Amino acid sequence: MFKKISMGIAAVISMLILQAPVHAEDEDIHNDVFYQILIDRFNNGDTSIDEEIDIDDPYHYHGGDFEGIINKLDDLQDIGITTISVSPMMENKENGYHGYWVNDFYQINPQFGTMDDFHRLVSEVHDRDMKITVDFVFNYAADTNPLTEDTDKEDWWQGTPDSDNPWLSDTVQLDLTNPEAAAYMLDVALYWQEETEVDGFKLQDVDVAPQAFIEELTAALKENDSDFYLIGDASAADTAETDQLLENTSLDLINNPELNQVLSETFADSDRDVSALYETWEEQGGLTDFYKQIDGLQQERFTNAFSEHQRNAVTAWTLALTYMYTTPGATTVTQGTELPMYGMDAEESQRLVPFNSGDEDLQEFHKRIASLHNEFPALRLGDFEYVGSEASMLVFRRSYEDEVMYVAINNGSESAYIDTDNIESGMQLTGILEDNLVRENEEGNYRIGIPRESVEVYILEEDKGINWLFIGFIVVVLLLFVVAIVRLKRKQKVREQQDNNSSNQ
């Protein structure tokens, strides 16, 4: 019983600390947490439109739809998701579950539902104060698209794209240097922006199109809605080219394959040197215009990568999620990450999400770190300062106005610490995740130390000494507990005495 009471007290304290309101003052794409959804492989919510599904064929429709996304919105909000990012949804040729084989640029894919169904999805998202973006395919059309057979549009096309991506196998690439083709695709973009009332587009293979077209496209979309999110998804890891796109167009964010690779490699195994994370961040100018993503749909899942090193799922994801939710810039979580979901390759990674499975401890931590991200402006808006790294341990500081936070991540197989002397005397670091406490030592330093393969998020505050109020509260609870036990025992003895007297009579 004592254990249950203690757990109850801890739960109440945790709720008081972690219930996190979303602050309106920082509604900015760079603070968002995106959730990437491949519609057909997410969740089947409407079985009445399942005529063409075949879940035994990895290259066929599996039944995910708009209704399935609606059914999971509350769960996504629980893990701190602020924007859902859905795959292309234009009408595709047969088996175009991924959305790249566009047969009609002005129609919605009936495999996912109707336009009314999509409008309801957008409304449900907005009712939760969340946003929704749609992947926009503008470089390619299906080889069966009627436009490809129009003799008046023969000069619109560049042939089959040279790519190993199977999603492009049945496509023809548009020549967007052609003014008519460019004007057509610009009209398509404005149509979907206005018709759906979504909050933004993720522009697929943004580095494939001519930069002049991207400039025109993004300028027109921003002119129509200055708050419209524009995210670039580059097909190649060319930092120089993505930098140019960010500088010369109205894109808000772009992906960064190099950082994502470093993230995966670092946290996939213990004792990896974490300094590479900061070095990559620093080399590329702070990465505030890049989004972080450790998992993906077209590759081996991160869960498989660390499992090869016999690393525990909760451990590896705790380290990775803490980094992603507490460092500057937008974060993208891939569908199924929260379970976590396994996948040896693209085919397995694109399975329907097995929502009936999952690790409760991981899901609970995901909610806690998301709550911290939402509750403390310093973790979203704050300046970033690298405190230091020691082998596999990393410490950094986030500060916003009067709020100062420290984050410690120990990727090593042994306990570790880092000393910092940039904190004024008379302060303390109070741990929020694991209740660690750091006070000034005799040398005037603050030694931030945590156990192996663990994390802690601290808030900087005045050294309050021993918290007699809290200790008093615990003592009172324990005394009441002891008194209750003594009274119960006394009552039990009285009953036994009365029973004995009755039996003797």
Protein backbone atom coordinates (compact mmCIF):
# COMPACT_ATOMS: atom_id res chain seq x y z
CA MET A 1 0.00 0.00 0.00
CA PHE A 2 2.86 2.36 0.82
CA LYS A 3 4.24 1.81 -2.68
CA LYS A 4 0.87 2.70 -4.21
CA ILE A 5 0.59 5.89 -2.15
CA SER A 6 4.14 6.92 -3.13
CA MET A 7 3.37 6.30 -6.80
CA GLY A 8 0.21 8.37 -6.48
CA ILE A 9 2.11 11.30 -4.96
CA ALA A 10 4.71 11.10 -7.74
CA ALA A 11 1.99 11.03 -10.38
CA VAL A 12 0.31 14.15 -8.97
CA ILE A 13 3.62 16.04 -8.83
CA SER A 14 4.45 14.91 -12.38
CA MET A 15 1.09 16.15 -13.64
CA LEU A 16 1.58 19.53 -12.00
CA ILE A 17 4.99 19.87 -13.65
CA LEU A 18 4.31 18.38 -17.06
CA GLN A 19 0.83 19.50 -18.08
CA ALA A 20 1.98 21.80 -20.84
CA PRO A 21 -0.05 24.51 -22.53
CA VAL A 22 0.87 25.42 -26.09
CA HIS A 23 1.97 29.04 -26.23
CA ALA A 24 0.50 31.17 -28.99
CA GLU A 25 3.40 33.63 -28.95
CA ASP A 26 5.71 31.30 -30.86
CA GLU A 27 3.51 30.02 -33.67
CA ASP A 28 6.36 29.59 -36.10
CA ILE A 29 7.27 26.74 -38.40
CA HIS A 30 10.75 26.53 -36.85
CA ASN A 31 9.22 25.48 -33.52
CA ASP A 32 6.86 22.85 -34.94
CA VAL A 33 6.87 19.11 -34.44
CA PHE A 34 5.72 17.45 -37.67
CA TYR A 35 4.34 13.92 -38.00
CA GLN A 36 4.98 12.35 -41.40
CA ILE A 37 2.10 10.22 -42.69
CA LEU A 38 2.04 7.96 -45.74
CA ILE A 39 -1.76 7.97 -46.03
CA ASP A 40 -2.27 4.50 -47.49
CA ARG A 41 0.06 2.90 -44.92
CA PHE A 42 -1.10 4.71 -41.77
CA ASN A 43 -4.52 3.60 -40.53
CA ASN A 44 -7.63 2.14 -42.17
CA GLY A 45 -10.62 4.01 -40.81
CA ASP A 46 -13.21 3.57 -43.56
CA THR A 47 -13.58 -0.05 -44.75
CA SER A 48 -16.31 0.92 -47.23
CA ILE A 49 -13.62 2.08 -49.71
CA ASP A 50 -11.44 -1.03 -49.49
CA GLU A 51 -12.28 -2.51 -52.90
CA GLU A 52 -8.77 -2.19 -54.33
CA ILE A 53 -6.64 -3.09 -51.31
CA ASP A 54 -4.30 -6.07 -51.08
CA ILE A 55 -2.28 -6.03 -47.87
CA ASP A 56 -0.27 -9.07 -48.99
CA ASP A 57 1.21 -7.10 -51.89
CA PRO A 58 3.75 -4.49 -50.69
CA TYR A 59 3.23 -2.50 -53.92
CA HIS A 60 -0.55 -2.32 -53.71
CA TYR A 61 -2.99 -0.24 -51.68
CA HIS A 62 -3.24 -1.30 -48.02
CA GLY A 63 -6.27 0.72 -46.97
CA GLY A 64 -5.07 3.80 -45.07
CA ASP A 65 -7.39 6.76 -45.50
CA PHE A 66 -8.47 10.20 -44.24
CA GLU A 67 -10.82 8.67 -41.66
CA GLY A 68 -7.94 6.65 -40.25
CA ILE A 69 -5.94 9.83 -39.68
CA ILE A 70 -8.87 11.54 -37.96
CA ASN A 71 -9.16 8.60 -35.57
CA LYS A 72 -5.56 9.07 -34.41
CA LEU A 73 -5.38 12.87 -34.04
CA ASP A 74 -5.83 12.87 -30.27
CA ASP A 75 -3.01 10.36 -29.86
CA LEU A 76 -0.73 12.47 -32.04
CA GLN A 77 -1.50 15.57 -30.03
CA ASP A 78 -0.55 13.64 -26.87
CA ILE A 79 3.01 13.20 -28.15
CA GLY A 80 3.44 16.88 -28.91
CA ILE A 81 2.68 16.88 -32.63
CA THR A 82 1.77 20.35 -33.82
CA THR A 83 1.52 19.70 -37.58
CA ILE A 84 0.64 16.54 -39.48
CA SER A 85 2.33 16.14 -42.86
CA VAL A 86 0.45 13.86 -45.25
CA SER A 87 1.66 12.21 -48.43
CA PRO A 88 0.44 13.25 -51.94
CA MET A 89 -3.30 12.74 -52.37
CA MET A 90 -4.02 13.52 -56.04
CA GLU A 91 -5.67 10.84 -58.15
CA ASN A 92 -3.04 8.24 -59.14
CA LYS A 93 -2.76 5.43 -61.65
CA GLU A 94 -3.35 1.86 -60.45
CA ASN A 95 -1.28 0.89 -57.38
CA GLY A 96 -0.01 4.44 -56.88
CA TYR A 97 -0.36 4.17 -53.10
CA HIS A 98 2.53 6.61 -52.54
CA GLY A 99 0.98 9.43 -54.59
CA TYR A 100 3.73 10.05 -57.16
CA TRP A 101 1.91 8.51 -60.15
CA VAL A 102 -0.43 11.46 -60.70
CA ASN A 103 -3.13 10.74 -63.25
CA ASP A 104 -5.19 13.87 -62.61
CA PHE A 105 -3.72 16.93 -60.91
CA TYR A 106 -7.16 18.32 -60.02
CA GLN A 107 -8.81 15.25 -58.47
CA ILE A 108 -8.42 13.60 -55.09
CA ASN A 109 -7.43 9.94 -54.79
CA PRO A 110 -10.69 8.01 -54.14
CA GLN A 111 -8.68 5.33 -52.29
CA PHE A 112 -8.30 7.81 -49.42
CA GLY A 113 -11.83 9.26 -49.43
CA THR A 114 -13.63 12.20 -51.00
CA MET A 115 -12.85 15.90 -50.99
CA ASP A 116 -15.53 16.28 -48.29
CA ASP A 117 -13.68 13.68 -46.21
CA PHE A 118 -10.48 15.64 -46.60
CA HIS A 119 -12.20 18.90 -45.65
CA ARG A 120 -13.40 17.15 -42.49
CA LEU A 121 -9.84 16.03 -41.74
CA VAL A 122 -8.59 19.62 -42.11
CA SER A 123 -11.39 20.84 -39.85
CA GLU A 124 -10.63 18.21 -37.19
CA VAL A 125 -6.95 19.16 -37.26
CA HIS A 126 -7.71 22.86 -36.89
CA ASP A 127 -10.21 22.20 -34.08
CA ARG A 128 -7.26 20.84 -32.08
CA ASP A 129 -5.15 23.94 -32.80
CA MET A 130 -2.89 21.82 -35.00
CA LYS A 131 -1.85 22.36 -38.62
CA ILE A 132 -1.76 20.15 -41.68
CA THR A 133 0.55 20.18 -44.70
CA VAL A 134 0.33 18.14 -47.89
CA ASP A 135 3.15 16.71 -49.99
CA PHE A 136 2.92 18.40 -53.39
CA VAL A 137 4.26 16.49 -56.40
CA PHE A 138 4.96 18.95 -59.22
CA ASN A 139 7.96 17.51 -61.10
CA TYR A 140 6.27 14.32 -62.31
CA ALA A 141 3.10 12.88 -63.79
CA ALA A 142 2.09 9.26 -64.34
CA ASP A 143 2.97 7.87 -67.74
CA THR A 144 -0.79 7.27 -68.15
CA ASN A 145 -1.73 10.89 -67.42
CA PRO A 146 -3.80 12.27 -70.36
CA LEU A 147 -1.48 15.30 -70.48
CA THR A 148 1.36 13.06 -71.68
CA GLU A 149 -0.70 12.01 -74.72
CA ASP A 150 -1.71 15.54 -75.73
CA THR A 151 0.14 16.39 -78.95
CA ASP A 152 -0.05 20.09 -78.09
CA LYS A 153 1.99 19.39 -74.96
CA GLU A 154 4.76 17.25 -76.39
CA ASP A 155 7.40 19.79 -75.33
CA TRP A 156 6.25 19.66 -71.70
CA TRP A 157 8.14 16.45 -70.94
CA GLN A 158 11.72 15.39 -70.31
CA GLY A 159 11.18 11.63 -70.31
CA THR A 160 11.43 9.09 -67.49
CA PRO A 161 13.47 10.46 -64.56
CA ASP A 162 16.87 8.91 -63.93
CA SER A 163 16.28 7.63 -60.40
CA ASP A 164 16.49 4.45 -58.34
CA ASN A 165 13.38 5.49 -56.44
CA PRO A 166 10.64 2.95 -57.33
CA TRP A 167 8.03 5.62 -56.76
CA LEU A 168 9.30 7.35 -59.93
CA SER A 169 9.35 4.23 -62.10
CA ASP A 170 6.04 4.90 -63.86
CA THR A 171 6.41 8.65 -64.23
CA VAL A 172 7.40 11.23 -66.82
CA GLN A 173 9.28 14.33 -65.70
CA LEU A 174 7.87 17.76 -66.45
CA ASP A 175 10.08 20.36 -68.11
CA LEU A 176 9.35 23.33 -65.90
CA THR A 177 11.52 25.62 -68.00
CA ASN A 178 8.64 25.45 -70.46
CA PRO A 179 6.45 28.50 -69.69
CA GLU A 180 3.17 26.67 -70.40
CA ALA A 181 4.08 23.67 -68.24
CA ALA A 182 5.23 25.99 -65.45
CA ALA A 183 2.02 28.04 -65.66
CA TYR A 184 -0.08 24.87 -65.53
CA MET A 185 1.66 23.58 -62.41
CA LEU A 186 1.46 26.98 -60.73
CA ASP A 187 -2.31 26.95 -61.31
CA VAL A 188 -2.49 23.44 -59.80
CA ALA A 189 -0.67 24.61 -56.69
CA LEU A 190 -2.94 27.63 -56.18
CA TYR A 191 -6.01 25.43 -56.73
CA TRP A 192 -5.07 23.01 -53.94
CA GLN A 193 -4.01 25.83 -51.63
CA GLU A 194 -7.40 27.53 -51.93
CA GLU A 195 -9.63 24.46 -52.27
CA THR A 196 -8.32 22.49 -49.28
CA GLU A 197 -7.42 25.31 -46.85
CA VAL A 198 -4.38 23.35 -45.71
CA ASP A 199 -1.61 25.17 -43.87
CA GLY A 200 1.23 24.41 -46.24
CA PHE A 201 2.95 22.24 -48.82
CA LYS A 202 5.99 20.05 -48.68
CA LEU A 203 7.48 20.42 -52.16
CA GLN A 204 8.77 17.02 -53.23
CA ASP A 205 12.18 16.81 -54.98
CA VAL A 206 12.47 20.57 -54.74
CA ASP A 207 16.06 20.44 -56.03
CA VAL A 208 15.01 18.70 -59.27
CA ALA A 209 13.00 21.65 -60.59
CA PRO A 210 14.63 24.80 -62.00
CA GLN A 211 15.29 27.27 -59.18
CA ALA A 212 13.56 30.00 -61.17
CA PHE A 213 10.33 27.99 -61.05
CA ILE A 214 10.67 27.39 -57.30
CA GLU A 215 11.12 31.15 -56.83
CA GLU A 216 7.96 31.86 -58.81
CA LEU A 217 5.94 29.10 -57.17
CA THR A 218 6.84 29.93 -53.57
CA ALA A 219 6.39 33.68 -54.13
CA ALA A 220 2.89 33.14 -55.54
CA LEU A 221 1.84 30.85 -52.67
CA LYS A 222 3.16 33.28 -50.07
CA GLU A 223 1.46 36.20 -51.80
CA ASN A 224 -1.80 34.31 -51.56
CA ASP A 225 -1.20 33.49 -47.87
CA SER A 226 1.85 34.92 -46.12
CA ASP A 227 1.55 32.35 -43.28
CA PHE A 228 1.46 29.38 -45.66
CA TYR A 229 4.13 26.81 -44.75
CA LEU A 230 6.56 25.96 -47.55
CA ILE A 231 8.89 23.05 -46.90
CA GLY A 232 11.45 21.75 -49.34
CA ASP A 233 12.19 18.05 -49.59
CA ALA A 234 15.43 17.73 -51.54
CA SER A 235 16.27 14.44 -53.24
CA ALA A 236 20.06 14.82 -52.91
CA ALA A 237 22.29 15.68 -49.95
CA ASP A 238 23.77 18.79 -51.58
CA THR A 239 24.08 21.40 -48.83
CA ALA A 240 25.27 24.12 -51.21
CA GLU A 241 22.18 23.70 -53.39
CA THR A 242 19.77 23.63 -50.46
CA ASP A 243 21.41 26.75 -49.04
CA GLN A 244 20.79 28.50 -52.35
CA LEU A 245 17.17 27.41 -52.37
CA LEU A 246 16.65 28.78 -48.86
CA GLU A 247 18.37 32.04 -49.76
CA ASN A 248 16.72 32.70 -53.12
CA THR A 249 13.19 31.36 -52.67
CA SER A 250 10.38 31.73 -50.14
CA LEU A 251 10.94 28.27 -48.65
CA ASP A 252 10.67 28.20 -44.86
CA LEU A 253 12.38 24.87 -44.21
CA ILE A 254 14.27 22.18 -46.05
CA ASN A 255 15.47 18.71 -45.13
CA ASN A 256 19.05 17.93 -44.13
CA PRO A 257 20.03 14.32 -44.93
CA GLU A 258 23.54 14.79 -43.51
CA LEU A 259 22.30 15.75 -40.04
CA ASN A 260 19.71 12.98 -40.08
CA GLN A 261 22.42 10.43 -40.88
CA VAL A 262 24.63 11.70 -38.05
CA LEU A 263 21.72 11.50 -35.63
CA SER A 264 20.98 7.91 -36.54
CA GLU A 265 24.59 6.78 -36.44
CA THR A 266 25.28 8.49 -33.10
CA PHE A 267 22.37 7.08 -31.14
CA ALA A 268 22.29 3.65 -32.77
CA ASP A 269 25.07 2.40 -30.50
CA SER A 270 26.43 3.28 -27.07
CA ASP A 271 29.76 5.06 -26.58
CA ARG A 272 29.54 6.88 -29.92
CA ASP A 273 31.19 10.31 -29.81
CA VAL A 274 28.39 12.87 -29.59
CA SER A 275 30.54 15.83 -30.63
CA ALA A 276 29.67 15.10 -34.28
CA LEU A 277 26.13 16.31 -33.57
CA TYR A 278 27.32 19.77 -32.61
CA GLU A 279 30.00 19.90 -35.30
CA THR A 280 27.39 19.20 -37.99
CA TRP A 281 25.08 21.79 -36.44
CA GLU A 282 27.84 24.41 -36.35
CA GLU A 283 29.26 23.68 -39.82
CA GLN A 284 25.90 24.28 -41.42
CA GLY A 285 25.17 27.57 -39.72
CA GLY A 286 22.92 26.50 -36.88
CA LEU A 287 20.45 24.48 -38.99
CA THR A 288 17.50 26.61 -37.92
CA ASP A 289 16.05 26.41 -41.43
CA PHE A 290 16.44 22.62 -41.60
CA TYR A 291 14.16 20.07 -40.02
CA LYS A 292 15.49 17.16 -37.95
CA GLN A 293 14.36 13.64 -38.78
CA ILE A 294 15.97 10.44 -37.56
CA ASP A 295 13.55 7.89 -39.04
CA GLY A 296 12.27 7.52 -42.59
CA LEU A 297 9.90 5.67 -44.91
CA GLN A 298 12.36 4.81 -47.69
CA GLN A 299 15.10 3.25 -45.57
CA GLU A 300 15.85 0.97 -42.65
CA ARG A 301 14.11 2.15 -39.52
CA PHE A 302 16.18 3.61 -36.70
CA THR A 303 14.74 0.92 -34.42
CA ASN A 304 16.36 -1.74 -36.59
CA ALA A 305 19.64 0.16 -36.68
CA PHE A 306 20.07 0.22 -32.89
CA SER A 307 18.66 -3.29 -32.46
CA GLU A 308 21.63 -4.57 -34.46
CA HIS A 309 23.79 -3.28 -31.60
CA GLN A 310 21.56 -4.92 -28.97
CA ARG A 311 20.44 -1.53 -27.73
CA ASN A 312 17.19 -1.23 -25.79
CA ALA A 313 14.37 0.56 -27.64
CA VAL A 314 13.42 2.82 -24.73
CA THR A 315 17.08 3.76 -24.16
CA ALA A 316 17.89 4.59 -27.80
CA TRP A 317 14.69 6.50 -28.46
CA THR A 318 14.93 8.38 -25.15
CA LEU A 319 18.34 9.71 -26.19
CA ALA A 320 17.25 10.52 -29.74
CA LEU A 321 13.90 12.12 -28.86
CA THR A 322 15.48 14.26 -26.16
CA TYR A 323 17.95 15.64 -28.68
CA MET A 324 15.23 16.24 -31.27
CA TYR A 325 12.73 17.90 -28.91
CA THR A 326 15.22 20.15 -27.09
CA THR A 327 17.52 21.46 -29.85
CA PRO A 328 16.69 24.41 -32.13
CA GLY A 329 14.66 23.94 -35.27
CA ALA A 330 11.64 21.97 -36.43
CA THR A 331 11.40 18.23 -35.81
CA THR A 332 9.78 15.55 -37.96
CA VAL A 333 8.55 12.29 -36.45
CA THR A 334 7.86 9.47 -38.90
CA GLN A 335 4.66 7.46 -38.53
CA GLY A 336 5.14 4.51 -36.16
CA THR A 337 8.16 6.00 -34.41
CA GLU A 338 6.19 6.31 -31.18
CA LEU A 339 5.58 2.53 -30.95
CA PRO A 340 8.49 2.04 -32.01
CA MET A 341 8.07 0.53 -35.47
CA TYR A 342 10.57 -1.84 -37.05
CA GLY A 343 11.55 -2.10 -40.72
CA MET A 344 14.62 -3.63 -42.37
CA ASP A 345 14.08 -1.73 -45.63
CA ALA A 346 11.68 0.60 -47.42
CA GLU A 347 9.17 -2.19 -48.03
CA GLU A 348 8.93 -3.08 -44.34
CA SER A 349 9.08 0.55 -43.21
CA GLN A 350 5.99 1.30 -45.30
CA ARG A 351 3.75 -1.32 -43.69
CA LEU A 352 0.47 -0.25 -42.11
CA VAL A 353 1.34 1.07 -38.67
CA PRO A 354 0.76 -1.75 -36.12
CA PHE A 355 -1.08 0.35 -33.55
CA ASN A 356 -1.97 -2.75 -31.52
CA SER A 357 1.69 -3.10 -30.57
CA GLY A 358 4.02 -0.70 -28.82
CA ASP A 359 6.12 -0.07 -25.76
CA GLU A 360 4.22 1.73 -22.99
CA ASP A 361 7.40 3.04 -21.34
CA LEU A 362 8.56 4.61 -24.60
CA GLN A 363 5.17 6.13 -25.31
CA GLU A 364 5.10 7.59 -21.79
CA PHE A 365 8.54 9.14 -22.23
CA HIS A 366 7.54 10.53 -25.63
CA LYS A 367 4.62 12.31 -23.96
CA ARG A 368 6.85 13.67 -21.18
CA ILE A 369 9.56 15.09 -23.45
CA ALA A 370 6.86 16.55 -25.72
CA SER A 371 5.25 18.22 -22.68
CA LEU A 372 8.56 19.83 -21.77
CA HIS A 373 8.99 21.08 -25.34
CA ASN A 374 5.55 22.67 -25.23
CA GLU A 375 5.76 24.02 -21.68
CA PHE A 376 9.14 25.77 -21.71
CA PRO A 377 9.69 28.51 -24.33
CA ALA A 378 13.47 28.17 -23.90
CA LEU A 379 13.35 24.72 -25.53
CA ARG A 380 11.57 26.13 -28.59
CA LEU A 381 12.62 29.76 -28.87
CA GLY A 382 15.78 29.96 -26.81
CA ASP A 383 19.34 30.73 -27.84
CA PHE A 384 21.52 27.65 -28.12
CA GLU A 385 24.88 27.43 -26.39
CA TYR A 386 27.18 24.43 -26.55
CA VAL A 387 28.44 23.80 -23.00
CA GLY A 388 30.68 20.88 -23.83
CA SER A 389 31.05 17.20 -24.59
CA GLU A 390 33.13 14.49 -22.98
CA ALA A 391 33.40 11.38 -25.13
CA SER A 392 29.77 10.21 -25.29
CA MET A 393 28.18 12.89 -23.12
CA LEU A 394 26.80 16.20 -24.39
CA VAL A 395 25.53 19.24 -22.48
CA PHE A 396 23.97 22.35 -24.00
CA ARG A 397 22.14 25.42 -22.73
CA ARG A 398 18.90 26.99 -23.99
CA SER A 399 17.93 30.47 -22.80
CA TYR A 400 14.92 32.68 -23.50
CA GLU A 401 14.26 35.91 -21.60
CA ASP A 402 14.59 34.93 -17.90
CA GLU A 403 14.28 31.19 -18.51
CA VAL A 404 17.46 29.11 -18.70
CA MET A 405 17.53 25.35 -19.32
CA TYR A 406 20.36 22.84 -19.50
CA VAL A 407 20.09 19.52 -21.34
CA ALA A 408 22.41 16.59 -20.64
CA ILE A 409 22.57 13.51 -22.87
CA ASN A 410 24.85 10.60 -21.94
CA ASN A 411 25.21 8.22 -24.86
CA GLY A 412 27.91 6.23 -23.07
CA SER A 413 27.92 2.91 -21.23
CA GLU A 414 29.26 4.53 -18.05
CA SER A 415 28.20 7.41 -15.84
CA ALA A 416 29.77 10.71 -16.88
CA TYR A 417 29.88 14.37 -15.93
CA ILE A 418 30.76 17.76 -17.39
CA ASP A 419 31.75 20.77 -15.28
CA THR A 420 30.53 24.23 -16.19
CA ASP A 421 31.66 27.52 -14.66
CA ASN A 422 29.37 29.88 -16.58
CA ILE A 423 26.65 29.78 -13.90
CA GLU A 424 26.71 32.49 -11.26
CA SER A 425 27.14 31.58 -7.62
CA GLY A 426 24.08 30.79 -5.51
CA MET A 427 22.14 28.95 -8.21
CA GLN A 428 21.07 25.35 -8.71
CA LEU A 429 20.09 23.13 -11.63
CA THR A 430 16.87 21.28 -10.89
CA GLY A 431 16.23 18.17 -12.98
CA ILE A 432 12.73 17.80 -14.39
CA LEU A 433 12.83 14.31 -15.90
CA GLU A 434 14.71 12.40 -13.20
CA ASP A 435 14.77 14.85 -10.23
CA ASN A 436 18.55 15.30 -10.38
CA LEU A 437 19.94 18.31 -8.53
CA VAL A 438 23.20 20.18 -9.27
CA ARG A 439 24.61 22.71 -6.80
CA GLU A 440 27.80 24.74 -6.81
CA ASN A 441 30.82 22.77 -5.58
CA GLU A 442 33.84 23.96 -3.60
CA GLU A 443 35.71 24.89 -6.79
CA GLY A 444 32.88 27.20 -7.85
CA ASN A 445 31.78 24.86 -10.67
CA TYR A 446 28.54 23.07 -11.34
CA ARG A 447 29.13 19.39 -12.07
CA ILE A 448 26.42 17.99 -14.35
CA GLY A 449 26.56 14.23 -14.00
CA ILE A 450 24.06 11.57 -15.05
CA PRO A 451 24.06 7.76 -15.26
CA ARG A 452 24.96 5.81 -18.37
CA GLU A 453 22.60 5.94 -21.37
CA SER A 454 20.34 8.52 -19.79
CA VAL A 455 19.15 12.11 -20.18
CA GLU A 456 18.16 15.00 -17.98
CA VAL A 457 16.62 18.41 -18.58
CA TYR A 458 17.39 21.03 -15.94
CA ILE A 459 15.95 24.42 -15.16
CA LEU A 460 18.26 27.05 -13.65
CA GLU A 461 16.94 28.65 -10.46
CA GLU A 462 18.11 30.09 -7.15
CA ASP A 463 19.61 27.61 -4.70
CA LYS A 464 16.77 27.07 -2.27
CA GLY A 465 18.71 24.85 0.07
CA ILE A 466 16.82 21.95 1.56
CA ASN A 467 13.19 21.99 0.50
CA TRP A 468 11.70 21.69 3.97
CA LEU A 469 8.19 22.37 2.67
CA PHE A 470 8.30 19.40 0.33
CA ILE A 471 9.99 17.19 2.93
CA GLY A 472 7.36 18.25 5.45
CA PHE A 473 4.63 17.35 2.99
CA ILE A 474 6.10 13.87 2.50
CA VAL A 475 6.57 13.39 6.27
CA VAL A 476 2.95 14.38 6.92
CA VAL A 477 1.72 11.93 4.27
CA LEU A 478 3.85 9.16 5.75
CA LEU A 479 2.67 9.93 9.29
CA LEU A 480 -0.95 9.85 8.16
CA PHE A 481 -0.24 6.56 6.47
CA VAL A 482 1.32 5.13 9.67
CA VAL A 483 -1.58 6.42 11.79
CA ALA A 484 -4.05 4.81 9.38
CA ILE A 485 -2.23 1.48 9.61
CA VAL A 486 -2.13 1.61 13.44
CA ARG A 487 -5.85 2.40 13.60
CA LEU A 488 -6.66 -0.43 11.23
CA LYS A 489 -4.63 -2.87 13.32
CA ARG A 490 -6.33 -1.73 16.52
CA LYS A 491 -9.75 -2.12 14.97
CA GLN A 492 -8.79 -5.56 13.74
CA LYS A 493 -7.69 -6.57 17.29
CA VAL A 494 -10.95 -5.28 18.78
CA ARG A 495 -12.94 -7.31 16.24
CA GLU A 496 -10.91 -10.44 16.99
CA GLN A 497 -11.45 -9.93 20.75
CA GLN A 498 -15.19 -9.52 20.23
CA ASP A 499 -15.31 -12.64 18.05
CA ASN A 500 -13.44 -14.63 20.71
CA ASN A 501 -15.80 -13.39 23.45
CA SER A 502 -18.83 -14.36 21.38
CA SER A 503 -17.50 -17.84 20.70
CA ASN A 504 -16.69 -18.40 24.42
CA GLN A 505 -20.24 -17.47 25.39
